[in-house]
Amino acid sequence: MVGEDFRFGAERKGNLTLLQKFFPVKIIPPVKVEGVEVHSQVIRTYFKKGEIGKGNRLLGRPYRIWGRKVKGQGLGQKKLLPTINLKIELPFLLPRQGVYATRLETFPSLTFIGNRSTDGKFAIEVHLLGKWRETETGLESEWGKVECNGKLHLSFLHFIRPVEKFKGLGELKRRLERDLGEGYSYFEGEI
């Protein structure tokens, strides 16, 4: 079973006619969502542009990556927002750098993905919305408990803003407060 535009082989020169000479072939018509043909390249393009909602609709579910909890700078806990830092282990396609409404496992969250303005290093930092706390083995909140010894799944739901440069912690803090407001609005009724 292949799609109408299926190609194979060196330089994608093989086509349906050639394939049908050697195998019984069933051709599947294109699948469309809201008038857009569903192709992995189209979905990837949406994610790279930060159009996570459009990509998720074509994918049929929220885009999800996973990684392990790692130690961060500790700056968020002390001066900004406490975050969980994720290190991904597979070569996932990462969406456009910026801030997203996400779900870490079942927890509503905000996620920053990109190069931090504080040290310029790439990071995936997740702030859980609502009341939560870290335990010896994981996370606890009003939504339940999650063990952090294994992989944590992060689903991208809504793009909030691209990465910005800040003149100082005060400016960054004010922007984070606006991001939190947008995150709480996105999850209104859940939190």
N, C-alpha and C. Protein backbone atom coordinates (compact mmCIF):
# COMPACT_ATOMS: atom_id res chain seq x y z
N MET A 1 0.85 -1.17 0.00
CA MET A 1 0.00 0.00 0.00
C MET A 1 0.90 1.23 0.00
N VAL A 2 0.65 2.13 -0.93
CA VAL A 2 1.45 3.34 -1.04
C VAL A 2 0.54 4.51 -1.44
N GLY A 3 1.05 5.70 -1.22
CA GLY A 3 0.33 6.90 -1.63
C GLY A 3 0.52 7.18 -3.11
N GLU A 4 -0.31 8.07 -3.65
CA GLU A 4 -0.27 8.40 -5.08
C GLU A 4 1.08 8.96 -5.52
N ASP A 5 1.78 9.64 -4.61
CA ASP A 5 3.03 10.29 -4.97
C ASP A 5 4.26 9.48 -4.52
N PHE A 6 4.09 8.18 -4.28
CA PHE A 6 5.18 7.34 -3.78
C PHE A 6 6.33 7.26 -4.79
N ARG A 7 7.55 7.41 -4.29
CA ARG A 7 8.77 7.27 -5.07
C ARG A 7 9.75 6.45 -4.26
N PHE A 8 10.66 5.76 -4.94
CA PHE A 8 11.65 4.97 -4.22
C PHE A 8 12.92 4.86 -5.04
N GLY A 9 13.96 4.31 -4.41
CA GLY A 9 15.22 4.03 -5.09
C GLY A 9 16.13 5.24 -5.20
N ALA A 10 17.24 5.03 -5.92
CA ALA A 10 18.24 6.07 -6.10
C ALA A 10 17.61 7.30 -6.74
N GLU A 11 17.84 8.42 -6.12
CA GLU A 11 17.32 9.72 -6.58
C GLU A 11 15.80 9.70 -6.75
N ARG A 12 15.15 8.79 -6.05
CA ARG A 12 13.68 8.67 -6.07
C ARG A 12 13.14 8.47 -7.50
N LYS A 13 13.89 7.73 -8.32
CA LYS A 13 13.49 7.51 -9.71
C LYS A 13 12.42 6.44 -9.86
N GLY A 14 12.32 5.54 -8.88
CA GLY A 14 11.30 4.50 -8.95
C GLY A 14 9.92 5.10 -8.72
N ASN A 15 8.93 4.66 -9.52
CA ASN A 15 7.58 5.20 -9.38
C ASN A 15 6.56 4.07 -9.30
N LEU A 16 5.30 4.42 -9.29
CA LEU A 16 4.23 3.42 -9.16
C LEU A 16 4.23 2.43 -10.32
N THR A 17 4.46 2.91 -11.52
CA THR A 17 4.45 2.04 -12.69
C THR A 17 5.49 0.94 -12.55
N LEU A 18 6.70 1.32 -12.12
CA LEU A 18 7.77 0.34 -11.93
C LEU A 18 7.43 -0.62 -10.80
N LEU A 19 6.92 -0.09 -9.71
CA LEU A 19 6.57 -0.92 -8.55
C LEU A 19 5.51 -1.96 -8.92
N GLN A 20 4.53 -1.54 -9.75
CA GLN A 20 3.43 -2.44 -10.13
C GLN A 20 3.89 -3.58 -11.06
N LYS A 21 5.06 -3.44 -11.67
CA LYS A 21 5.60 -4.52 -12.51
C LYS A 21 6.03 -5.71 -11.66
N PHE A 22 6.36 -5.46 -10.39
CA PHE A 22 6.92 -6.51 -9.54
C PHE A 22 6.05 -6.91 -8.35
N PHE A 23 5.12 -6.04 -7.95
CA PHE A 23 4.31 -6.30 -6.76
C PHE A 23 2.87 -5.88 -6.99
N PRO A 24 1.93 -6.59 -6.32
CA PRO A 24 0.56 -6.06 -6.32
C PRO A 24 0.54 -4.80 -5.45
N VAL A 25 -0.02 -3.73 -5.96
CA VAL A 25 0.04 -2.44 -5.28
C VAL A 25 -1.37 -1.89 -5.09
N LYS A 26 -1.62 -1.44 -3.88
CA LYS A 26 -2.88 -0.74 -3.61
C LYS A 26 -2.51 0.73 -3.38
N ILE A 27 -3.12 1.61 -4.16
CA ILE A 27 -2.82 3.05 -4.06
C ILE A 27 -3.85 3.70 -3.13
N ILE A 28 -3.33 4.36 -2.13
CA ILE A 28 -4.17 5.04 -1.13
C ILE A 28 -4.30 6.50 -1.52
N PRO A 29 -5.52 7.02 -1.62
CA PRO A 29 -5.67 8.44 -1.95
C PRO A 29 -5.16 9.32 -0.80
N PRO A 30 -4.78 10.55 -1.11
CA PRO A 30 -4.25 11.43 -0.07
C PRO A 30 -5.28 11.70 1.03
N VAL A 31 -4.78 11.81 2.24
CA VAL A 31 -5.61 12.16 3.38
C VAL A 31 -5.51 13.67 3.56
N LYS A 32 -6.65 14.32 3.75
CA LYS A 32 -6.66 15.77 3.93
C LYS A 32 -7.31 16.12 5.27
N VAL A 33 -6.74 17.13 5.91
CA VAL A 33 -7.30 17.68 7.14
C VAL A 33 -7.47 19.17 6.89
N GLU A 34 -8.70 19.64 6.99
CA GLU A 34 -8.99 21.05 6.75
C GLU A 34 -8.43 21.52 5.40
N GLY A 35 -8.53 20.65 4.39
CA GLY A 35 -8.10 20.98 3.04
C GLY A 35 -6.61 20.84 2.79
N VAL A 36 -5.82 20.44 3.78
CA VAL A 36 -4.37 20.30 3.63
C VAL A 36 -4.02 18.83 3.58
N GLU A 37 -3.25 18.42 2.54
CA GLU A 37 -2.80 17.03 2.46
C GLU A 37 -1.83 16.73 3.59
N VAL A 38 -2.03 15.58 4.22
CA VAL A 38 -1.19 15.18 5.34
C VAL A 38 0.08 14.51 4.80
N HIS A 39 1.20 15.19 5.01
CA HIS A 39 2.53 14.68 4.65
C HIS A 39 3.47 15.02 5.80
N SER A 40 4.41 14.14 6.07
CA SER A 40 5.35 14.40 7.17
C SER A 40 6.11 15.71 6.95
N GLN A 41 6.45 16.02 5.70
CA GLN A 41 7.19 17.26 5.44
C GLN A 41 6.36 18.49 5.79
N VAL A 42 5.07 18.44 5.53
CA VAL A 42 4.18 19.57 5.86
C VAL A 42 4.11 19.73 7.37
N ILE A 43 3.99 18.62 8.08
CA ILE A 43 3.92 18.65 9.54
C ILE A 43 5.23 19.22 10.10
N ARG A 44 6.36 18.73 9.60
CA ARG A 44 7.67 19.24 10.07
C ARG A 44 7.79 20.74 9.82
N THR A 45 7.34 21.20 8.69
CA THR A 45 7.41 22.62 8.37
C THR A 45 6.59 23.44 9.35
N TYR A 46 5.39 22.98 9.66
CA TYR A 46 4.56 23.69 10.66
C TYR A 46 5.29 23.77 12.00
N PHE A 47 5.88 22.66 12.45
CA PHE A 47 6.57 22.66 13.74
C PHE A 47 7.77 23.60 13.73
N LYS A 48 8.53 23.61 12.65
CA LYS A 48 9.71 24.49 12.56
C LYS A 48 9.31 25.96 12.58
N LYS A 49 8.09 26.27 12.11
CA LYS A 49 7.60 27.66 12.12
C LYS A 49 6.93 28.02 13.44
N GLY A 50 6.75 27.04 14.33
CA GLY A 50 6.05 27.30 15.59
C GLY A 50 4.54 27.17 15.46
N GLU A 51 4.07 26.71 14.32
CA GLU A 51 2.63 26.54 14.11
C GLU A 51 2.22 25.17 14.62
N ILE A 52 2.39 24.99 15.92
CA ILE A 52 2.22 23.69 16.56
C ILE A 52 0.78 23.19 16.46
N GLY A 53 -0.20 24.07 16.56
CA GLY A 53 -1.60 23.67 16.45
C GLY A 53 -1.91 23.06 15.10
N LYS A 54 -1.44 23.68 14.02
CA LYS A 54 -1.68 23.16 12.67
C LYS A 54 -0.99 21.81 12.49
N GLY A 55 0.26 21.71 12.95
CA GLY A 55 0.98 20.44 12.84
C GLY A 55 0.29 19.33 13.63
N ASN A 56 -0.16 19.66 14.84
CA ASN A 56 -0.85 18.67 15.67
C ASN A 56 -2.14 18.19 15.03
N ARG A 57 -2.88 19.10 14.37
CA ARG A 57 -4.12 18.68 13.71
C ARG A 57 -3.82 17.68 12.60
N LEU A 58 -2.76 17.92 11.82
CA LEU A 58 -2.42 16.97 10.76
C LEU A 58 -1.89 15.66 11.34
N LEU A 59 -1.16 15.75 12.44
CA LEU A 59 -0.60 14.57 13.09
C LEU A 59 -1.69 13.74 13.76
N GLY A 60 -2.77 14.41 14.16
CA GLY A 60 -3.88 13.72 14.81
C GLY A 60 -3.72 13.60 16.32
N ARG A 61 -2.70 14.24 16.86
CA ARG A 61 -2.43 14.23 18.30
C ARG A 61 -1.35 15.27 18.59
N PRO A 62 -1.16 15.63 19.86
CA PRO A 62 -0.08 16.56 20.19
C PRO A 62 1.29 15.95 19.91
N TYR A 63 2.18 16.75 19.36
CA TYR A 63 3.55 16.30 19.10
C TYR A 63 4.26 16.09 20.43
N ARG A 64 4.96 14.98 20.56
CA ARG A 64 5.56 14.62 21.84
C ARG A 64 7.01 14.18 21.67
N ILE A 65 7.83 14.65 22.60
CA ILE A 65 9.22 14.20 22.68
C ILE A 65 9.42 13.65 24.09
N TRP A 66 10.55 13.06 24.36
CA TRP A 66 10.83 12.64 25.72
C TRP A 66 12.31 12.78 26.01
N GLY A 67 12.58 12.85 27.31
CA GLY A 67 13.95 12.99 27.77
C GLY A 67 14.04 12.69 29.24
N ARG A 68 15.22 12.89 29.78
CA ARG A 68 15.45 12.65 31.20
C ARG A 68 15.66 13.98 31.92
N LYS A 69 15.26 14.00 33.17
CA LYS A 69 15.44 15.18 34.02
C LYS A 69 16.92 15.30 34.35
N VAL A 70 17.46 16.51 34.14
CA VAL A 70 18.86 16.78 34.45
C VAL A 70 18.94 18.04 35.32
N LYS A 71 20.07 18.21 35.95
CA LYS A 71 20.29 19.38 36.79
C LYS A 71 20.52 20.60 35.90
N GLY A 72 19.85 21.70 36.25
CA GLY A 72 20.01 22.94 35.50
C GLY A 72 20.90 23.93 36.23
N GLN A 73 20.82 25.20 35.86
CA GLN A 73 21.62 26.25 36.49
C GLN A 73 21.19 26.52 37.93
N GLY A 74 19.92 26.28 38.21
CA GLY A 74 19.39 26.61 39.53
C GLY A 74 18.90 28.04 39.63
N LEU A 75 19.04 28.81 38.57
CA LEU A 75 18.64 30.22 38.56
C LEU A 75 17.13 30.36 38.67
N GLY A 76 16.39 29.52 37.97
CA GLY A 76 14.93 29.58 38.01
C GLY A 76 14.39 29.37 39.41
N GLN A 77 14.91 28.38 40.10
CA GLN A 77 14.47 28.06 41.45
C GLN A 77 14.73 29.23 42.40
N LYS A 78 15.86 29.90 42.23
CA LYS A 78 16.26 30.96 43.16
C LYS A 78 15.65 32.32 42.82
N LYS A 79 15.59 32.66 41.52
CA LYS A 79 15.24 34.04 41.17
C LYS A 79 14.07 34.19 40.21
N LEU A 80 13.69 33.12 39.51
CA LEU A 80 12.65 33.26 38.49
C LEU A 80 11.51 32.27 38.74
N LEU A 81 11.39 31.28 37.88
CA LEU A 81 10.39 30.22 38.03
C LEU A 81 11.12 28.89 38.18
N PRO A 82 10.68 28.05 39.11
CA PRO A 82 11.32 26.73 39.19
C PRO A 82 11.00 25.92 37.94
N THR A 83 12.03 25.27 37.40
CA THR A 83 11.83 24.50 36.17
C THR A 83 12.44 23.11 36.32
N ILE A 84 11.97 22.25 35.47
CA ILE A 84 12.53 20.92 35.30
C ILE A 84 13.27 20.96 33.97
N ASN A 85 14.54 20.63 33.98
CA ASN A 85 15.35 20.66 32.77
C ASN A 85 15.37 19.27 32.16
N LEU A 86 15.08 19.20 30.87
CA LEU A 86 15.06 17.93 30.16
C LEU A 86 16.23 17.83 29.20
N LYS A 87 16.82 16.66 29.16
CA LYS A 87 17.83 16.36 28.16
C LYS A 87 17.25 15.28 27.27
N ILE A 88 17.09 15.61 26.00
CA ILE A 88 16.53 14.61 25.08
C ILE A 88 17.65 13.70 24.61
N GLU A 89 17.29 12.45 24.35
CA GLU A 89 18.30 11.46 24.01
C GLU A 89 18.21 10.96 22.58
N LEU A 90 17.13 11.27 21.91
CA LEU A 90 16.97 10.86 20.52
C LEU A 90 17.02 12.09 19.63
N PRO A 91 17.29 11.91 18.36
CA PRO A 91 17.32 13.08 17.46
C PRO A 91 15.92 13.51 17.05
N PHE A 92 15.15 14.02 18.02
CA PHE A 92 13.81 14.49 17.75
C PHE A 92 13.86 15.76 16.89
N LEU A 93 12.84 15.94 16.08
CA LEU A 93 12.63 17.23 15.44
C LEU A 93 12.13 18.15 16.54
N LEU A 94 12.82 19.23 16.79
CA LEU A 94 12.38 20.17 17.81
C LEU A 94 11.63 21.31 17.14
N PRO A 95 10.53 21.74 17.73
CA PRO A 95 9.78 22.85 17.14
C PRO A 95 10.59 24.15 17.25
N ARG A 96 10.07 25.17 16.63
CA ARG A 96 10.70 26.50 16.67
C ARG A 96 11.07 26.86 18.10
N GLN A 97 12.22 27.48 18.28
CA GLN A 97 12.62 27.89 19.62
C GLN A 97 11.66 28.94 20.15
N GLY A 98 11.30 28.80 21.42
CA GLY A 98 10.40 29.74 22.03
C GLY A 98 9.73 29.16 23.26
N VAL A 99 8.59 29.73 23.62
CA VAL A 99 7.83 29.32 24.80
C VAL A 99 6.51 28.69 24.33
N TYR A 100 6.16 27.56 24.93
CA TYR A 100 4.99 26.80 24.55
C TYR A 100 4.14 26.45 25.76
N ALA A 101 2.83 26.32 25.54
CA ALA A 101 1.96 25.63 26.49
C ALA A 101 2.16 24.15 26.18
N THR A 102 2.47 23.38 27.22
CA THR A 102 2.82 21.97 27.04
C THR A 102 2.17 21.13 28.13
N ARG A 103 2.38 19.85 28.03
CA ARG A 103 2.05 18.92 29.10
C ARG A 103 3.28 18.05 29.34
N LEU A 104 3.76 18.08 30.58
CA LEU A 104 4.81 17.15 30.98
C LEU A 104 4.08 16.00 31.63
N GLU A 105 4.10 14.86 30.96
CA GLU A 105 3.23 13.74 31.35
C GLU A 105 1.79 14.27 31.38
N THR A 106 1.14 14.31 32.54
CA THR A 106 -0.24 14.82 32.61
C THR A 106 -0.30 16.24 33.14
N PHE A 107 0.84 16.82 33.52
CA PHE A 107 0.87 18.13 34.17
C PHE A 107 0.81 19.28 33.17
N PRO A 108 -0.16 20.19 33.27
CA PRO A 108 -0.14 21.40 32.45
C PRO A 108 1.15 22.18 32.75
N SER A 109 1.79 22.68 31.70
CA SER A 109 3.09 23.31 31.90
C SER A 109 3.37 24.36 30.83
N LEU A 110 4.41 25.16 31.11
CA LEU A 110 5.00 26.06 30.13
C LEU A 110 6.40 25.54 29.87
N THR A 111 6.81 25.56 28.61
CA THR A 111 8.15 25.06 28.27
C THR A 111 8.89 26.10 27.45
N PHE A 112 10.12 26.34 27.85
CA PHE A 112 11.05 27.15 27.06
C PHE A 112 11.97 26.16 26.36
N ILE A 113 12.12 26.36 25.05
CA ILE A 113 13.04 25.53 24.27
C ILE A 113 13.89 26.48 23.44
N GLY A 114 15.20 26.45 23.68
CA GLY A 114 16.09 27.33 22.93
C GLY A 114 17.34 27.68 23.70
N ASN A 115 18.05 28.68 23.19
CA ASN A 115 19.27 29.15 23.85
C ASN A 115 18.89 30.17 24.91
N ARG A 116 19.29 29.90 26.15
CA ARG A 116 18.95 30.78 27.28
C ARG A 116 19.65 32.12 27.13
N SER A 117 18.94 33.17 27.53
CA SER A 117 19.55 34.50 27.49
C SER A 117 20.57 34.67 28.62
N THR A 118 20.50 33.85 29.66
CA THR A 118 21.41 33.99 30.80
C THR A 118 22.81 33.47 30.49
N ASP A 119 22.93 32.37 29.74
CA ASP A 119 24.27 31.83 29.46
C ASP A 119 24.46 31.42 27.99
N GLY A 120 23.43 31.57 27.17
CA GLY A 120 23.54 31.26 25.75
C GLY A 120 23.47 29.78 25.42
N LYS A 121 23.33 28.91 26.42
CA LYS A 121 23.31 27.47 26.17
C LYS A 121 21.90 26.99 25.84
N PHE A 122 21.84 25.94 25.01
CA PHE A 122 20.55 25.37 24.63
C PHE A 122 19.95 24.63 25.82
N ALA A 123 18.64 24.78 26.01
CA ALA A 123 17.97 24.12 27.12
C ALA A 123 16.51 23.85 26.76
N ILE A 124 15.97 22.85 27.42
CA ILE A 124 14.53 22.60 27.42
C ILE A 124 14.14 22.67 28.88
N GLU A 125 13.44 23.74 29.25
CA GLU A 125 13.08 23.99 30.65
C GLU A 125 11.56 24.00 30.78
N VAL A 126 11.05 23.21 31.71
CA VAL A 126 9.61 23.03 31.87
C VAL A 126 9.19 23.54 33.25
N HIS A 127 8.21 24.44 33.26
CA HIS A 127 7.63 24.93 34.52
C HIS A 127 6.21 24.38 34.61
N LEU A 128 5.95 23.61 35.68
CA LEU A 128 4.61 23.06 35.87
C LEU A 128 3.70 24.14 36.42
N LEU A 129 2.50 24.25 35.87
CA LEU A 129 1.53 25.23 36.33
C LEU A 129 0.78 24.69 37.54
N GLY A 130 0.33 25.57 38.40
CA GLY A 130 -0.36 25.14 39.60
C GLY A 130 0.64 24.80 40.70
N LYS A 131 0.14 24.17 41.73
CA LYS A 131 0.99 23.82 42.87
C LYS A 131 1.65 22.46 42.62
N TRP A 132 2.96 22.42 42.79
CA TRP A 132 3.69 21.18 42.62
C TRP A 132 4.95 21.22 43.46
N ARG A 133 5.53 20.06 43.63
CA ARG A 133 6.80 19.99 44.36
C ARG A 133 7.60 18.81 43.84
N GLU A 134 8.91 18.94 43.99
CA GLU A 134 9.80 17.84 43.65
C GLU A 134 9.96 16.95 44.86
N THR A 135 9.95 15.65 44.63
CA THR A 135 10.20 14.69 45.70
C THR A 135 11.53 14.00 45.40
N GLU A 136 11.93 13.08 46.25
CA GLU A 136 13.19 12.37 46.02
C GLU A 136 13.19 11.59 44.72
N THR A 137 12.03 11.09 44.34
CA THR A 137 11.97 10.24 43.16
C THR A 137 11.24 10.85 41.97
N GLY A 138 10.58 11.98 42.15
CA GLY A 138 9.83 12.53 41.03
C GLY A 138 9.15 13.84 41.33
N LEU A 139 7.93 13.95 40.84
CA LEU A 139 7.13 15.17 40.96
C LEU A 139 5.77 14.82 41.54
N GLU A 140 5.22 15.76 42.30
CA GLU A 140 3.90 15.60 42.88
C GLU A 140 3.12 16.88 42.68
N SER A 141 1.87 16.75 42.29
CA SER A 141 1.01 17.93 42.17
C SER A 141 -0.43 17.48 42.36
N GLU A 142 -1.33 18.45 42.15
CA GLU A 142 -2.75 18.13 42.27
C GLU A 142 -3.21 17.15 41.19
N TRP A 143 -2.38 16.91 40.16
CA TRP A 143 -2.74 15.99 39.08
C TRP A 143 -2.18 14.60 39.31
N GLY A 144 -1.43 14.43 40.38
CA GLY A 144 -0.89 13.11 40.67
C GLY A 144 0.61 13.13 40.88
N LYS A 145 1.22 11.96 40.71
CA LYS A 145 2.66 11.79 40.92
C LYS A 145 3.29 11.23 39.65
N VAL A 146 4.54 11.62 39.41
CA VAL A 146 5.30 11.10 38.29
C VAL A 146 6.70 10.78 38.79
N GLU A 147 7.18 9.60 38.44
CA GLU A 147 8.56 9.22 38.76
C GLU A 147 9.48 9.86 37.72
N CYS A 148 10.61 10.41 38.15
CA CYS A 148 11.53 11.08 37.24
C CYS A 148 12.80 10.28 36.98
N ASN A 149 12.83 9.03 37.40
CA ASN A 149 14.03 8.23 37.17
C ASN A 149 14.12 7.76 35.73
N GLY A 150 12.99 7.70 35.06
CA GLY A 150 12.96 7.26 33.67
C GLY A 150 12.72 8.44 32.75
N LYS A 151 12.20 8.15 31.57
CA LYS A 151 11.96 9.23 30.63
C LYS A 151 10.66 9.96 30.97
N LEU A 152 10.66 11.26 30.70
CA LEU A 152 9.49 12.11 30.87
C LEU A 152 9.01 12.52 29.49
N HIS A 153 7.70 12.42 29.26
CA HIS A 153 7.12 12.79 27.97
C HIS A 153 6.64 14.24 28.02
N LEU A 154 6.96 14.98 26.98
CA LEU A 154 6.58 16.38 26.87
C LEU A 154 5.80 16.58 25.58
N SER A 155 4.53 17.00 25.71
CA SER A 155 3.66 17.23 24.55
C SER A 155 3.53 18.73 24.31
N PHE A 156 3.72 19.14 23.06
CA PHE A 156 3.61 20.55 22.68
C PHE A 156 2.18 20.84 22.21
N LEU A 157 1.56 21.86 22.83
CA LEU A 157 0.16 22.14 22.55
C LEU A 157 -0.08 23.48 21.85
N HIS A 158 0.65 24.53 22.28
CA HIS A 158 0.36 25.87 21.77
C HIS A 158 1.61 26.74 21.85
N PHE A 159 1.94 27.41 20.75
CA PHE A 159 3.09 28.32 20.70
C PHE A 159 2.70 29.65 21.33
N ILE A 160 3.49 30.11 22.30
CA ILE A 160 3.19 31.37 22.96
C ILE A 160 4.02 32.51 22.39
N ARG A 161 5.34 32.31 22.28
CA ARG A 161 6.19 33.38 21.74
C ARG A 161 7.55 32.83 21.35
N PRO A 162 8.26 33.56 20.47
CA PRO A 162 9.63 33.15 20.12
C PRO A 162 10.61 33.56 21.24
N VAL A 163 11.83 33.09 21.12
CA VAL A 163 12.90 33.46 22.06
C VAL A 163 13.15 34.96 21.95
N GLU A 164 13.36 35.59 23.09
CA GLU A 164 13.66 37.03 23.12
C GLU A 164 14.93 37.26 23.93
N LYS A 165 15.61 38.35 23.65
CA LYS A 165 16.78 38.78 24.45
C LYS A 165 16.28 39.76 25.49
N PHE A 166 16.82 39.66 26.71
CA PHE A 166 16.42 40.55 27.80
C PHE A 166 17.63 41.29 28.34
N LYS A 167 17.40 42.53 28.76
CA LYS A 167 18.49 43.36 29.27
C LYS A 167 18.92 42.95 30.67
N GLY A 168 18.03 42.30 31.40
CA GLY A 168 18.37 41.87 32.75
C GLY A 168 17.30 40.96 33.31
N LEU A 169 17.53 40.49 34.54
CA LEU A 169 16.58 39.57 35.17
C LEU A 169 15.22 40.22 35.41
N GLY A 170 15.19 41.53 35.69
CA GLY A 170 13.92 42.23 35.91
C GLY A 170 13.04 42.17 34.67
N GLU A 171 13.62 42.44 33.52
CA GLU A 171 12.87 42.41 32.26
C GLU A 171 12.41 40.98 31.95
N LEU A 172 13.30 40.02 32.19
CA LEU A 172 12.95 38.61 31.97
C LEU A 172 11.81 38.19 32.90
N LYS A 173 11.87 38.61 34.14
CA LYS A 173 10.84 38.26 35.12
C LYS A 173 9.47 38.80 34.69
N ARG A 174 9.43 40.04 34.20
CA ARG A 174 8.16 40.64 33.75
C ARG A 174 7.60 39.86 32.55
N ARG A 175 8.47 39.44 31.65
CA ARG A 175 8.02 38.69 30.49
C ARG A 175 7.51 37.31 30.91
N LEU A 176 8.18 36.69 31.88
CA LEU A 176 7.73 35.38 32.37
C LEU A 176 6.35 35.48 33.02
N GLU A 177 6.07 36.58 33.68
CA GLU A 177 4.74 36.77 34.28
C GLU A 177 3.67 36.82 33.20
N ARG A 178 3.97 37.47 32.08
CA ARG A 178 3.01 37.50 30.96
C ARG A 178 2.85 36.09 30.35
N ASP A 179 3.98 35.37 30.23
CA ASP A 179 3.93 34.00 29.71
C ASP A 179 3.05 33.12 30.60
N LEU A 180 3.22 33.28 31.92
CA LEU A 180 2.40 32.51 32.87
C LEU A 180 0.92 32.81 32.67
N GLY A 181 0.60 34.09 32.50
CA GLY A 181 -0.79 34.49 32.26
C GLY A 181 -1.35 33.79 31.03
N GLU A 182 -0.56 33.75 29.96
CA GLU A 182 -1.02 33.07 28.73
C GLU A 182 -1.16 31.56 28.95
N GLY A 183 -0.24 30.99 29.72
CA GLY A 183 -0.31 29.57 30.02
C GLY A 183 -1.56 29.22 30.82
N TYR A 184 -1.83 30.02 31.85
CA TYR A 184 -3.03 29.78 32.66
C TYR A 184 -4.29 29.97 31.82
N SER A 185 -4.29 30.96 30.91
CA SER A 185 -5.45 31.16 30.03
C SER A 185 -5.65 29.94 29.13
N TYR A 186 -4.55 29.40 28.60
CA TYR A 186 -4.66 28.24 27.72
C TYR A 186 -5.29 27.05 28.45
N PHE A 187 -4.89 26.84 29.69
CA PHE A 187 -5.39 25.70 30.46
C PHE A 187 -6.57 26.07 31.35
N GLU A 188 -7.24 27.20 31.03
CA GLU A 188 -8.36 27.66 31.85
C GLU A 188 -9.37 26.53 32.06
N GLY A 189 -9.81 26.37 33.29
CA GLY A 189 -10.76 25.33 33.62
C GLY A 189 -10.10 24.07 34.16
N GLU A 190 -8.80 23.90 33.86
CA GLU A 190 -8.07 22.74 34.37
C GLU A 190 -7.34 23.05 35.67
N ILE A 191 -6.92 24.31 35.80
CA ILE A 191 -6.06 24.67 36.93
C ILE A 191 -6.85 25.49 37.92
